[in-house]
Amino acid sequence: MDLKCGRSVKLSDGHFMPVLGFGTLVPEGVPKSKAGEATKVAIDVGFRHIDAAYVYQNEEEVGKAIREKIADGTVKREDIFYTTKLWATFFRPELVRPALERSLKKLQLDYVDLFIIHVPIAMKSGEELLPKDANGEMILDTVDLLETWEALEKCKDAGLTKSIGVSNFNRKQLERILNKPGLKYKPVCNQVECHPYLNQSKLLEFCKSKDIVLVAYSALGSQRDSKWIDKDSPHVLEEPVLNAIAKRHNRSPAQIALRYHLQRGVVVLAKSFNEKRIKENFQVFDFELTPEDMKAIDGLNRNFRFFKLLFFADHPEYPYSEEY
């Protein structure tokens, strides 16, 4: 992995991605305006990688925050690395470019830096984000992911996105794209749940071997949104091992968890809507974990997922039935 000043990684298509990103998904019950306020704070603090998605339903607010920070001279557009994601209801090839154009319109930006397939599972096309039948079951669809991928390649060719990638894909799904006849661009990244309880070491090794960057979400655990997460899930930041290491380094457990990923060559997303913690989460470049620290955190892995996506479990593309 080619690190530029330790702050960016060179992607397989030649573009650079900052290794520390700011997540913009607003927790349950929090107004969307918070996403915009927090994005401005994050940019002021030094974050240049903003991770967002159409399904978060706050791209107007995040886009406005970015444009305000450009207008006041804090950053230029080219300083910001902005990711958006293709939601599962837009996988049919003819819907892909209009979906990206819709995000761009909400953002009022000319291009995004990265456009990724949000999950490998297609849902019924249409305006409903989570289409359900009369019994409240999700209505799934089958779309060939290789055709969806070709439509992403066309978005890159059209200059609407600089880079393209995937999220929540397992090794076999990545291999299908990599082995696709006539592949024009390979995925630059795979964004997956990754934290000390799910360190994704096998998937990370596979991705490194293919020059695909692993991007970690839920790196500090999860916001425990009741729609997706079991309320009895463990709290990563309460883990005694992390807290002991944090104490030794005079850091927060969150800083230790973020630093752990950076030292493994993982790009990491940090999400907080609290100004003090946003600042704290950016302060991970001025200390280093020892090999003993890294080994101790490696030892916490228990292949525990916060996001099991069980309502997709019967879909042929459900990614978590494979080991990695």
C-alpha atoms as a PDB file:
ATOM      1  CA  MET A   1       0.000   0.000   0.000  1.00  0.00           C
ATOM      2  CA  ASP A   2       1.518   3.253  -1.153  1.00  0.00           C
ATOM      3  CA  LEU A   3       1.002   5.847   1.598  1.00  0.00           C
ATOM      4  CA  LYS A   4       1.524   9.487   0.662  1.00  0.00           C
ATOM      5  CA  CYS A   5       2.840  11.248   3.815  1.00  0.00           C
ATOM      6  CA  GLY A   6       0.955   8.603   5.780  1.00  0.00           C
ATOM      7  CA  ARG A   7      -2.304  10.498   5.234  1.00  0.00           C
ATOM      8  CA  SER A   8      -3.439   9.109   1.843  1.00  0.00           C
ATOM      9  CA  VAL A   9      -3.317   5.840  -0.026  1.00  0.00           C
ATOM     10  CA  LYS A  10      -2.828   5.521  -3.770  1.00  0.00           C
ATOM     11  CA  LEU A  11      -5.722   3.611  -5.351  1.00  0.00           C
ATOM     12  CA  SER A  12      -5.288   1.151  -8.228  1.00  0.00           C
ATOM     13  CA  ASP A  13      -6.594   3.792 -10.684  1.00  0.00           C
ATOM     14  CA  GLY A  14      -3.986   6.366  -9.607  1.00  0.00           C
ATOM     15  CA  HIS A  15      -6.238   8.578  -7.468  1.00  0.00           C
ATOM     16  CA  PHE A  16      -5.458   9.174  -3.779  1.00  0.00           C
ATOM     17  CA  MET A  17      -7.846   8.456  -0.898  1.00  0.00           C
ATOM     18  CA  PRO A  18      -7.260   9.972   2.572  1.00  0.00           C
ATOM     19  CA  VAL A  19      -6.762   7.098   5.037  1.00  0.00           C
ATOM     20  CA  LEU A  20      -9.051   8.646   7.653  1.00  0.00           C
ATOM     21  CA  GLY A  21     -12.622   9.440   6.655  1.00  0.00           C
ATOM     22  CA  PHE A  22     -15.636  11.056   8.291  1.00  0.00           C
ATOM     23  CA  GLY A  23     -18.906   9.105   8.301  1.00  0.00           C
ATOM     24  CA  THR A  24     -22.179  10.995   7.870  1.00  0.00           C
ATOM     25  CA  LEU A  25     -24.956   8.520   8.736  1.00  0.00           C
ATOM     26  CA  VAL A  26     -27.156  10.290  11.304  1.00  0.00           C
ATOM     27  CA  PRO A  27     -28.333   8.111  14.214  1.00  0.00           C
ATOM     28  CA  GLU A  28     -32.004   7.381  14.821  1.00  0.00           C
ATOM     29  CA  GLY A  29     -33.925  10.321  16.209  1.00  0.00           C
ATOM     30  CA  VAL A  30     -31.270  12.935  15.331  1.00  0.00           C
ATOM     31  CA  PRO A  31     -32.254  15.702  12.861  1.00  0.00           C
ATOM     32  CA  LYS A  32     -30.620  15.546   9.415  1.00  0.00           C
ATOM     33  CA  SER A  33     -29.272  19.064   9.863  1.00  0.00           C
ATOM     34  CA  LYS A  34     -26.752  17.528  12.308  1.00  0.00           C
ATOM     35  CA  ALA A  35     -25.035  15.828   9.350  1.00  0.00           C
ATOM     36  CA  GLY A  36     -24.290  19.223   7.818  1.00  0.00           C
ATOM     37  CA  GLU A  37     -23.099  20.794  11.077  1.00  0.00           C
ATOM     38  CA  ALA A  38     -20.855  17.829  11.874  1.00  0.00           C
ATOM     39  CA  THR A  39     -19.404  17.778   8.333  1.00  0.00           C
ATOM     40  CA  LYS A  40     -18.376  21.434   8.702  1.00  0.00           C
ATOM     41  CA  VAL A  41     -16.716  20.701  12.050  1.00  0.00           C
ATOM     42  CA  ALA A  42     -14.948  17.679  10.526  1.00  0.00           C
ATOM     43  CA  ILE A  43     -13.569  19.747   7.624  1.00  0.00           C
ATOM     44  CA  ASP A  44     -12.413  22.467  10.033  1.00  0.00           C
ATOM     45  CA  VAL A  45     -10.657  19.822  12.149  1.00  0.00           C
ATOM     46  CA  GLY A  46      -8.826  18.430   9.105  1.00  0.00           C
ATOM     47  CA  PHE A  47     -10.951  15.601   7.688  1.00  0.00           C
ATOM     48  CA  ARG A  48     -10.798  15.601   3.879  1.00  0.00           C
ATOM     49  CA  HIS A  49     -12.499  12.252   3.196  1.00  0.00           C
ATOM     50  CA  ILE A  50     -16.298  12.406   3.592  1.00  0.00           C
ATOM     51  CA  ASP A  51     -18.210   9.130   3.409  1.00  0.00           C
ATOM     52  CA  ALA A  52     -21.896   9.394   2.548  1.00  0.00           C
ATOM     53  CA  ALA A  53     -24.674   7.522   0.756  1.00  0.00           C
ATOM     54  CA  TYR A  54     -27.947   8.137  -1.035  1.00  0.00           C
ATOM     55  CA  VAL A  55     -29.785   5.932   1.471  1.00  0.00           C
ATOM     56  CA  TYR A  56     -28.658   8.149   4.389  1.00  0.00           C
ATOM     57  CA  GLN A  57     -31.090  10.732   2.998  1.00  0.00           C
ATOM     58  CA  ASN A  58     -28.954  13.713   4.000  1.00  0.00           C
ATOM     59  CA  GLU A  59     -26.839  14.472   0.934  1.00  0.00           C
ATOM     60  CA  GLU A  60     -28.386  17.953   0.581  1.00  0.00           C
ATOM     61  CA  GLU A  61     -27.145  18.844   4.074  1.00  0.00           C
ATOM     62  CA  VAL A  62     -23.695  17.300   3.594  1.00  0.00           C
ATOM     63  CA  GLY A  63     -23.282  18.860   0.138  1.00  0.00           C
ATOM     64  CA  LYS A  64     -24.244  22.286   1.475  1.00  0.00           C
ATOM     65  CA  ALA A  65     -21.660  21.940   4.268  1.00  0.00           C
ATOM     66  CA  ILE A  66     -18.913  21.063   1.769  1.00  0.00           C
ATOM     67  CA  ARG A  67     -19.856  23.954  -0.515  1.00  0.00           C
ATOM     68  CA  GLU A  68     -19.844  26.390   2.420  1.00  0.00           C
ATOM     69  CA  LYS A  69     -16.349  25.254   3.391  1.00  0.00           C
ATOM     70  CA  ILE A  70     -15.216  25.745  -0.224  1.00  0.00           C
ATOM     71  CA  ALA A  71     -16.869  29.174  -0.360  1.00  0.00           C
ATOM     72  CA  ASP A  72     -15.192  30.378   2.858  1.00  0.00           C
ATOM     73  CA  GLY A  73     -11.762  29.298   1.570  1.00  0.00           C
ATOM     74  CA  THR A  74     -11.159  26.467   4.074  1.00  0.00           C
ATOM     75  CA  VAL A  75     -10.803  23.913   1.247  1.00  0.00           C
ATOM     76  CA  LYS A  76     -10.933  23.625  -2.526  1.00  0.00           C
ATOM     77  CA  ARG A  77     -13.154  21.022  -4.185  1.00  0.00           C
ATOM     78  CA  GLU A  78     -10.100  18.941  -5.137  1.00  0.00           C
ATOM     79  CA  ASP A  79      -9.046  18.766  -1.445  1.00  0.00           C
ATOM     80  CA  ILE A  80     -12.223  16.844  -0.585  1.00  0.00           C
ATOM     81  CA  PHE A  81     -12.617  13.132  -1.274  1.00  0.00           C
ATOM     82  CA  TYR A  82     -16.362  12.465  -1.359  1.00  0.00           C
ATOM     83  CA  THR A  83     -17.880   8.975  -1.469  1.00  0.00           C
ATOM     84  CA  THR A  84     -21.482   8.154  -2.256  1.00  0.00           C
ATOM     85  CA  LYS A  85     -23.115   4.754  -2.659  1.00  0.00           C
ATOM     86  CA  LEU A  86     -25.493   3.122  -5.126  1.00  0.00           C
ATOM     87  CA  TRP A  87     -28.489   1.878  -3.162  1.00  0.00           C
ATOM     88  CA  ALA A  88     -29.958  -1.618  -3.673  1.00  0.00           C
ATOM     89  CA  THR A  89     -33.113  -0.373  -5.448  1.00  0.00           C
ATOM     90  CA  PHE A  90     -31.053   1.100  -8.335  1.00  0.00           C
ATOM     91  CA  PHE A  91     -28.993  -1.941  -9.441  1.00  0.00           C
ATOM     92  CA  ARG A  92     -30.631  -2.373 -12.836  1.00  0.00           C
ATOM     93  CA  PRO A  93     -28.034  -1.004 -15.284  1.00  0.00           C
ATOM     94  CA  GLU A  94     -30.336   1.689 -16.705  1.00  0.00           C
ATOM     95  CA  LEU A  95     -30.945   3.071 -13.167  1.00  0.00           C
ATOM     96  CA  VAL A  96     -27.301   3.401 -12.108  1.00  0.00           C
ATOM     97  CA  ARG A  97     -26.316   6.667 -13.801  1.00  0.00           C
ATOM     98  CA  PRO A  98     -29.633   8.416 -12.939  1.00  0.00           C
ATOM     99  CA  ALA A  99     -29.067   7.382  -9.286  1.00  0.00           C
ATOM    100  CA  LEU A 100     -25.618   8.996  -9.260  1.00  0.00           C
ATOM    101  CA  GLU A 101     -26.955  12.082 -11.049  1.00  0.00           C
ATOM    102  CA  ARG A 102     -29.626  12.352  -8.371  1.00  0.00           C
ATOM    103  CA  SER A 103     -26.961  12.350  -5.643  1.00  0.00           C
ATOM    104  CA  LEU A 104     -24.942  14.968  -7.551  1.00  0.00           C
ATOM    105  CA  LYS A 105     -28.028  17.151  -7.844  1.00  0.00           C
ATOM    106  CA  LYS A 106     -28.659  16.890  -4.097  1.00  0.00           C
ATOM    107  CA  LEU A 107     -24.993  17.691  -3.413  1.00  0.00           C
ATOM    108  CA  GLN A 108     -24.815  20.393  -6.085  1.00  0.00           C
ATOM    109  CA  LEU A 109     -21.424  19.030  -7.082  1.00  0.00           C
ATOM    110  CA  ASP A 110     -20.147  18.168 -10.576  1.00  0.00           C
ATOM    111  CA  TYR A 111     -18.594  14.831  -9.621  1.00  0.00           C
ATOM    112  CA  VAL A 112     -17.964  12.524  -6.691  1.00  0.00           C
ATOM    113  CA  ASP A 113     -14.559  11.006  -5.948  1.00  0.00           C
ATOM    114  CA  LEU A 114     -15.845   7.510  -5.299  1.00  0.00           C
ATOM    115  CA  PHE A 115     -19.083   5.732  -6.219  1.00  0.00           C
ATOM    116  CA  ILE A 116     -19.576   2.301  -4.685  1.00  0.00           C
ATOM    117  CA  ILE A 117     -22.201  -0.454  -4.760  1.00  0.00           C
ATOM    118  CA  HIS A 118     -23.642  -0.252  -1.227  1.00  0.00           C
ATOM    119  CA  VAL A 119     -24.513  -3.941  -0.779  1.00  0.00           C
ATOM    120  CA  PRO A 120     -24.333  -6.903  -3.186  1.00  0.00           C
ATOM    121  CA  ILE A 121     -28.070  -7.569  -2.793  1.00  0.00           C
ATOM    122  CA  ALA A 122     -30.609  -6.039  -5.183  1.00  0.00           C
ATOM    123  CA  MET A 123     -34.035  -4.918  -3.979  1.00  0.00           C
ATOM    124  CA  LYS A 124     -37.175  -4.160  -5.959  1.00  0.00           C
ATOM    125  CA  SER A 125     -36.585  -1.109  -8.171  1.00  0.00           C
ATOM    126  CA  GLY A 126     -38.455   2.064  -7.351  1.00  0.00           C
ATOM    127  CA  GLU A 127     -38.598   5.043  -5.039  1.00  0.00           C
ATOM    128  CA  GLU A 128     -39.082   3.094  -1.814  1.00  0.00           C
ATOM    129  CA  LEU A 129     -35.743   2.652  -0.042  1.00  0.00           C
ATOM    130  CA  LEU A 130     -36.884  -0.503   1.779  1.00  0.00           C
ATOM    131  CA  PRO A 131     -39.675  -1.973  -0.367  1.00  0.00           C
ATOM    132  CA  LYS A 132     -41.847  -4.383   1.626  1.00  0.00           C
ATOM    133  CA  ASP A 133     -44.714  -6.698   0.738  1.00  0.00           C
ATOM    134  CA  ALA A 134     -48.085  -6.931   2.525  1.00  0.00           C
ATOM    135  CA  ASN A 135     -46.498  -9.112   5.239  1.00  0.00           C
ATOM    136  CA  GLY A 136     -43.751  -6.591   5.943  1.00  0.00           C
ATOM    137  CA  GLU A 137     -41.094  -8.748   4.234  1.00  0.00           C
ATOM    138  CA  MET A 138     -38.428  -7.024   2.118  1.00  0.00           C
ATOM    139  CA  ILE A 139     -39.011  -7.385  -1.629  1.00  0.00           C
ATOM    140  CA  LEU A 140     -35.712  -8.517  -3.127  1.00  0.00           C
ATOM    141  CA  ASP A 141     -34.671  -8.656  -6.771  1.00  0.00           C
ATOM    142  CA  THR A 142     -32.039 -10.462  -8.801  1.00  0.00           C
ATOM    143  CA  VAL A 143     -29.788  -8.322 -10.935  1.00  0.00           C
ATOM    144  CA  ASP A 144     -26.466  -9.511 -12.352  1.00  0.00           C
ATOM    145  CA  LEU A 145     -23.832  -7.618 -10.350  1.00  0.00           C
ATOM    146  CA  LEU A 146     -21.540  -7.662 -13.376  1.00  0.00           C
ATOM    147  CA  GLU A 147     -24.099  -5.627 -15.334  1.00  0.00           C
ATOM    148  CA  THR A 148     -24.407  -3.186 -12.424  1.00  0.00           C
ATOM    149  CA  TRP A 149     -20.601  -2.947 -12.396  1.00  0.00           C
ATOM    150  CA  GLU A 150     -20.489  -2.142 -16.129  1.00  0.00           C
ATOM    151  CA  ALA A 151     -22.914   0.718 -15.489  1.00  0.00           C
ATOM    152  CA  LEU A 152     -20.530   2.051 -12.782  1.00  0.00           C
ATOM    153  CA  GLU A 153     -17.650   1.865 -15.276  1.00  0.00           C
ATOM    154  CA  LYS A 154     -19.695   4.060 -17.626  1.00  0.00           C
ATOM    155  CA  CYS A 155     -20.233   6.613 -14.823  1.00  0.00           C
ATOM    156  CA  LYS A 156     -16.449   6.801 -14.407  1.00  0.00           C
ATOM    157  CA  ASP A 157     -15.970   7.211 -18.160  1.00  0.00           C
ATOM    158  CA  ALA A 158     -18.546  10.017 -18.141  1.00  0.00           C
ATOM    159  CA  GLY A 159     -16.537  11.887 -15.465  1.00  0.00           C
ATOM    160  CA  LEU A 160     -19.353  11.708 -12.903  1.00  0.00           C
ATOM    161  CA  THR A 161     -17.066   9.834 -10.489  1.00  0.00           C
ATOM    162  CA  LYS A 162     -13.279   9.578 -10.329  1.00  0.00           C
ATOM    163  CA  SER A 163     -13.181   6.062  -8.866  1.00  0.00           C
ATOM    164  CA  ILE A 164     -15.544   3.105  -8.434  1.00  0.00           C
ATOM    165  CA  GLY A 165     -15.699   0.369  -5.820  1.00  0.00           C
ATOM    166  CA  VAL A 166     -17.905  -1.874  -3.721  1.00  0.00           C
ATOM    167  CA  SER A 167     -19.116  -2.344  -0.156  1.00  0.00           C
ATOM    168  CA  ASN A 168     -20.107  -5.408   1.885  1.00  0.00           C
ATOM    169  CA  PHE A 169     -18.781  -7.802  -0.780  1.00  0.00           C
ATOM    170  CA  ASN A 170     -17.201 -11.119   0.127  1.00  0.00           C
ATOM    171  CA  ARG A 171     -14.129 -12.608  -1.563  1.00  0.00           C
ATOM    172  CA  LYS A 172     -16.116 -14.642  -4.103  1.00  0.00           C
ATOM    173  CA  GLN A 173     -18.156 -11.603  -5.158  1.00  0.00           C
ATOM    174  CA  LEU A 174     -14.956  -9.563  -5.586  1.00  0.00           C
ATOM    175  CA  GLU A 175     -13.433 -12.381  -7.631  1.00  0.00           C
ATOM    176  CA  ARG A 176     -16.458 -12.436  -9.937  1.00  0.00           C
ATOM    177  CA  ILE A 177     -15.873  -8.800 -10.805  1.00  0.00           C
ATOM    178  CA  LEU A 178     -12.088  -9.205 -11.091  1.00  0.00           C
ATOM    179  CA  ASN A 179     -12.554 -12.187 -13.457  1.00  0.00           C
ATOM    180  CA  LYS A 180     -15.264 -10.537 -15.532  1.00  0.00           C
ATOM    181  CA  PRO A 181     -14.539 -10.804 -19.288  1.00  0.00           C
ATOM    182  CA  GLY A 182     -13.848  -7.342 -20.685  1.00  0.00           C
ATOM    183  CA  LEU A 183     -13.402  -5.752 -17.235  1.00  0.00           C
ATOM    184  CA  LYS A 184     -12.478  -2.104 -17.767  1.00  0.00           C
ATOM    185  CA  TYR A 185     -11.843  -0.953 -14.173  1.00  0.00           C
ATOM    186  CA  LYS A 186     -11.439  -3.081 -11.093  1.00  0.00           C
ATOM    187  CA  PRO A 187     -12.950  -1.992  -7.750  1.00  0.00           C
ATOM    188  CA  VAL A 188     -10.531   0.353  -5.975  1.00  0.00           C
ATOM    189  CA  CYS A 189     -11.975  -0.554  -2.578  1.00  0.00           C
ATOM    190  CA  ASN A 190     -14.283  -2.783  -0.573  1.00  0.00           C
ATOM    191  CA  GLN A 191     -15.937  -0.978   2.332  1.00  0.00           C
ATOM    192  CA  VAL A 192     -16.897  -3.427   5.087  1.00  0.00           C
ATOM    193  CA  GLU A 193     -17.717  -3.612   8.779  1.00  0.00           C
ATOM    194  CA  CYS A 194     -14.355  -3.889  10.535  1.00  0.00           C
ATOM    195  CA  HIS A 195     -13.399  -3.391  14.194  1.00  0.00           C
ATOM    196  CA  PRO A 196     -11.461  -5.270  16.902  1.00  0.00           C
ATOM    197  CA  TYR A 197     -14.281  -7.837  17.286  1.00  0.00           C
ATOM    198  CA  LEU A 198     -14.403  -8.393  13.488  1.00  0.00           C
ATOM    199  CA  ASN A 199     -10.924  -7.638  12.208  1.00  0.00           C
ATOM    200  CA  GLN A 200     -11.471  -9.097   8.695  1.00  0.00           C
ATOM    201  CA  SER A 201      -7.872 -10.333   8.547  1.00  0.00           C
ATOM    202  CA  LYS A 202      -8.522 -12.877   5.744  1.00  0.00           C
ATOM    203  CA  LEU A 203     -10.524 -10.445   3.621  1.00  0.00           C
ATOM    204  CA  LEU A 204      -7.840  -7.786   4.229  1.00  0.00           C
ATOM    205  CA  GLU A 205      -5.078 -10.127   2.998  1.00  0.00           C
ATOM    206  CA  PHE A 206      -7.141 -11.047  -0.065  1.00  0.00           C
ATOM    207  CA  CYS A 207      -7.843  -7.372  -0.877  1.00  0.00           C
ATOM    208  CA  LYS A 208      -4.182  -6.418  -0.440  1.00  0.00           C
ATOM    209  CA  SER A 209      -3.199  -9.225  -2.835  1.00  0.00           C
ATOM    210  CA  LYS A 210      -5.505  -7.707  -5.482  1.00  0.00           C
ATOM    211  CA  ASP A 211      -4.575  -4.031  -4.827  1.00  0.00           C
ATOM    212  CA  ILE A 212      -8.064  -3.330  -3.437  1.00  0.00           C
ATOM    213  CA  VAL A 213      -8.175  -1.010  -0.421  1.00  0.00           C
ATOM    214  CA  LEU A 214     -10.181  -2.273   2.553  1.00  0.00           C
ATOM    215  CA  VAL A 215     -12.230   0.565   4.080  1.00  0.00           C
ATOM    216  CA  ALA A 216     -13.551   0.005   7.614  1.00  0.00           C
ATOM    217  CA  TYR A 217     -16.999   1.165   8.748  1.00  0.00           C
ATOM    218  CA  SER A 218     -18.320   0.728  12.290  1.00  0.00           C
ATOM    219  CA  ALA A 219     -14.649   0.895  13.305  1.00  0.00           C
ATOM    220  CA  LEU A 220     -15.658   2.038  16.801  1.00  0.00           C
ATOM    221  CA  GLY A 221     -18.595  -0.322  17.118  1.00  0.00           C
ATOM    222  CA  SER A 222     -22.028   0.909  16.146  1.00  0.00           C
ATOM    223  CA  GLN A 223     -24.663   3.538  16.836  1.00  0.00           C
ATOM    224  CA  ARG A 224     -27.114   0.752  17.732  1.00  0.00           C
ATOM    225  CA  ASP A 225     -29.932   1.783  15.417  1.00  0.00           C
ATOM    226  CA  SER A 226     -32.733  -0.604  16.413  1.00  0.00           C
ATOM    227  CA  LYS A 227     -33.653  -1.308  12.763  1.00  0.00           C
ATOM    228  CA  TRP A 228     -30.300  -2.941  12.102  1.00  0.00           C
ATOM    229  CA  ILE A 229     -28.563  -3.753  15.377  1.00  0.00           C
ATOM    230  CA  ASP A 230     -29.316  -6.073  18.299  1.00  0.00           C
ATOM    231  CA  LYS A 231     -29.447  -3.937  21.452  1.00  0.00           C
ATOM    232  CA  ASP A 232     -27.443  -6.566  23.386  1.00  0.00           C
ATOM    233  CA  SER A 233     -24.419  -6.209  21.074  1.00  0.00           C
ATOM    234  CA  PRO A 234     -21.099  -5.666  22.875  1.00  0.00           C
ATOM    235  CA  HIS A 235     -19.640  -2.159  23.191  1.00  0.00           C
ATOM    236  CA  VAL A 236     -16.261  -2.081  21.426  1.00  0.00           C
ATOM    237  CA  LEU A 237     -15.125   1.074  23.234  1.00  0.00           C
ATOM    238  CA  GLU A 238     -15.759  -0.514  26.644  1.00  0.00           C
ATOM    239  CA  GLU A 239     -13.358  -3.385  25.831  1.00  0.00           C
ATOM    240  CA  PRO A 240     -10.843  -3.651  28.752  1.00  0.00           C
ATOM    241  CA  VAL A 241      -7.896  -4.465  26.454  1.00  0.00           C
ATOM    242  CA  LEU A 242      -8.489  -1.295  24.371  1.00  0.00           C
ATOM    243  CA  ASN A 243      -8.922   0.761  27.529  1.00  0.00           C
ATOM    244  CA  ALA A 244      -5.678  -0.556  29.043  1.00  0.00           C
ATOM    245  CA  ILE A 245      -3.752   0.274  25.847  1.00  0.00           C
ATOM    246  CA  ALA A 246      -5.436   3.687  25.705  1.00  0.00           C
ATOM    247  CA  LYS A 247      -4.336   4.400  29.263  1.00  0.00           C
ATOM    248  CA  ARG A 248      -0.734   3.462  28.489  1.00  0.00           C
ATOM    249  CA  HIS A 249      -0.659   5.830  25.491  1.00  0.00           C
ATOM    250  CA  ASN A 250      -2.667   8.526  27.243  1.00  0.00           C
ATOM    251  CA  ARG A 251      -5.282   8.294  24.453  1.00  0.00           C
ATOM    252  CA  SER A 252      -8.972   7.455  24.137  1.00  0.00           C
ATOM    253  CA  PRO A 253     -10.113   3.900  23.302  1.00  0.00           C
ATOM    254  CA  ALA A 254     -11.537   5.325  20.030  1.00  0.00           C
ATOM    255  CA  GLN A 255      -8.115   6.689  19.035  1.00  0.00           C
ATOM    256  CA  ILE A 256      -6.576   3.275  19.730  1.00  0.00           C
ATOM    257  CA  ALA A 257      -9.227   1.484  17.613  1.00  0.00           C
ATOM    258  CA  LEU A 258      -8.699   3.911  14.697  1.00  0.00           C
ATOM    259  CA  ARG A 259      -4.909   3.747  14.914  1.00  0.00           C
ATOM    260  CA  TYR A 260      -5.065  -0.069  14.926  1.00  0.00           C
ATOM    261  CA  HIS A 261      -6.693  -0.045  11.482  1.00  0.00           C
ATOM    262  CA  LEU A 262      -4.308   2.543  10.050  1.00  0.00           C
ATOM    263  CA  GLN A 263      -1.307   0.436  11.072  1.00  0.00           C
ATOM    264  CA  ARG A 264      -2.837  -2.606   9.333  1.00  0.00           C
ATOM    265  CA  GLY A 265      -3.144  -0.672   6.056  1.00  0.00           C
ATOM    266  CA  VAL A 266      -6.922  -0.236   6.394  1.00  0.00           C
ATOM    267  CA  VAL A 267      -8.627   3.058   5.490  1.00  0.00           C
ATOM    268  CA  VAL A 268     -10.854   3.868   8.440  1.00  0.00           C
ATOM    269  CA  LEU A 269     -14.090   5.860   8.797  1.00  0.00           C
ATOM    270  CA  ALA A 270     -14.840   7.609  12.074  1.00  0.00           C
ATOM    271  CA  LYS A 271     -18.326   8.837  12.844  1.00  0.00           C
ATOM    272  CA  SER A 272     -19.319  11.226  15.601  1.00  0.00           C
ATOM    273  CA  PHE A 273     -21.648  14.186  15.889  1.00  0.00           C
ATOM    274  CA  ASN A 274     -19.911  15.526  18.994  1.00  0.00           C
ATOM    275  CA  GLU A 275     -17.376  18.304  18.319  1.00  0.00           C
ATOM    276  CA  LYS A 276     -14.905  17.173  21.002  1.00  0.00           C
ATOM    277  CA  ARG A 277     -14.927  13.588  19.715  1.00  0.00           C
ATOM    278  CA  ILE A 278     -14.649  14.649  16.052  1.00  0.00           C
ATOM    279  CA  LYS A 279     -11.461  16.531  17.007  1.00  0.00           C
ATOM    280  CA  GLU A 280     -10.204  13.603  19.067  1.00  0.00           C
ATOM    281  CA  ASN A 281     -10.863  11.101  16.265  1.00  0.00           C
ATOM    282  CA  PHE A 282      -8.616  13.086  13.931  1.00  0.00           C
ATOM    283  CA  GLN A 283      -5.680  12.966  16.355  1.00  0.00           C
ATOM    284  CA  VAL A 284      -4.389   9.549  15.344  1.00  0.00           C
ATOM    285  CA  PHE A 285      -1.335  10.444  13.264  1.00  0.00           C
ATOM    286  CA  ASP A 286       1.033  11.495  16.062  1.00  0.00           C
ATOM    287  CA  PHE A 287       1.467   8.230  17.967  1.00  0.00           C
ATOM    288  CA  GLU A 288       2.095   4.577  17.183  1.00  0.00           C
ATOM    289  CA  LEU A 289       0.911   1.306  18.671  1.00  0.00           C
ATOM    290  CA  THR A 290       3.624  -1.226  19.558  1.00  0.00           C
ATOM    291  CA  PRO A 291       3.734  -4.708  17.988  1.00  0.00           C
ATOM    292  CA  GLU A 292       2.520  -6.000  21.390  1.00  0.00           C
ATOM    293  CA  ASP A 293      -0.448  -3.595  21.310  1.00  0.00           C
ATOM    294  CA  MET A 294      -1.346  -4.729  17.783  1.00  0.00           C
ATOM    295  CA  LYS A 295      -1.124  -8.395  18.783  1.00  0.00           C
ATOM    296  CA  ALA A 296      -3.323  -7.814  21.833  1.00  0.00           C
ATOM    297  CA  ILE A 297      -5.985  -6.085  19.694  1.00  0.00           C
ATOM    298  CA  ASP A 298      -5.731  -8.834  17.051  1.00  0.00           C
ATOM    299  CA  GLY A 299      -6.541 -11.236  19.878  1.00  0.00           C
ATOM    300  CA  LEU A 300      -9.933  -9.568  20.435  1.00  0.00           C
ATOM    301  CA  ASN A 301     -11.305 -10.845  17.119  1.00  0.00           C
ATOM    302  CA  ARG A 302     -14.409 -13.006  17.524  1.00  0.00           C
ATOM    303  CA  ASN A 303     -15.960 -12.594  14.064  1.00  0.00           C
ATOM    304  CA  PHE A 304     -18.800 -10.633  15.632  1.00  0.00           C
ATOM    305  CA  ARG A 305     -20.983  -8.581  13.251  1.00  0.00           C
ATOM    306  CA  PHE A 306     -23.182  -5.667  14.299  1.00  0.00           C
ATOM    307  CA  PHE A 307     -24.739  -5.568  10.817  1.00  0.00           C
ATOM    308  CA  LYS A 308     -25.929  -9.082  10.026  1.00  0.00           C
ATOM    309  CA  LEU A 309     -28.486  -7.937   7.401  1.00  0.00           C
ATOM    310  CA  LEU A 310     -30.562 -11.004   8.237  1.00  0.00           C
ATOM    311  CA  PHE A 311     -33.595  -9.867   6.208  1.00  0.00           C
ATOM    312  CA  PHE A 312     -31.365 -10.468   3.148  1.00  0.00           C
ATOM    313  CA  ALA A 313     -30.261 -13.930   4.331  1.00  0.00           C
ATOM    314  CA  ASP A 314     -32.288 -15.880   1.734  1.00  0.00           C
ATOM    315  CA  HIS A 315     -30.933 -13.861  -1.193  1.00  0.00           C
ATOM    316  CA  PRO A 316     -28.419 -15.754  -3.386  1.00  0.00           C
ATOM    317  CA  GLU A 317     -26.000 -12.817  -3.045  1.00  0.00           C
ATOM    318  CA  TYR A 318     -26.191 -12.672   0.790  1.00  0.00           C
ATOM    319  CA  PRO A 319     -22.498 -11.985   1.488  1.00  0.00           C
ATOM    320  CA  TYR A 320     -22.050 -13.392   4.992  1.00  0.00           C
ATOM    321  CA  SER A 321     -22.695 -17.078   4.383  1.00  0.00           C
ATOM    322  CA  GLU A 322     -19.059 -17.281   3.229  1.00  0.00           C
ATOM    323  CA  GLU A 323     -16.211 -17.203   5.758  1.00  0.00           C
ATOM    324  CA  TYR A 324     -14.879 -13.969   4.221  1.00  0.00           C
END
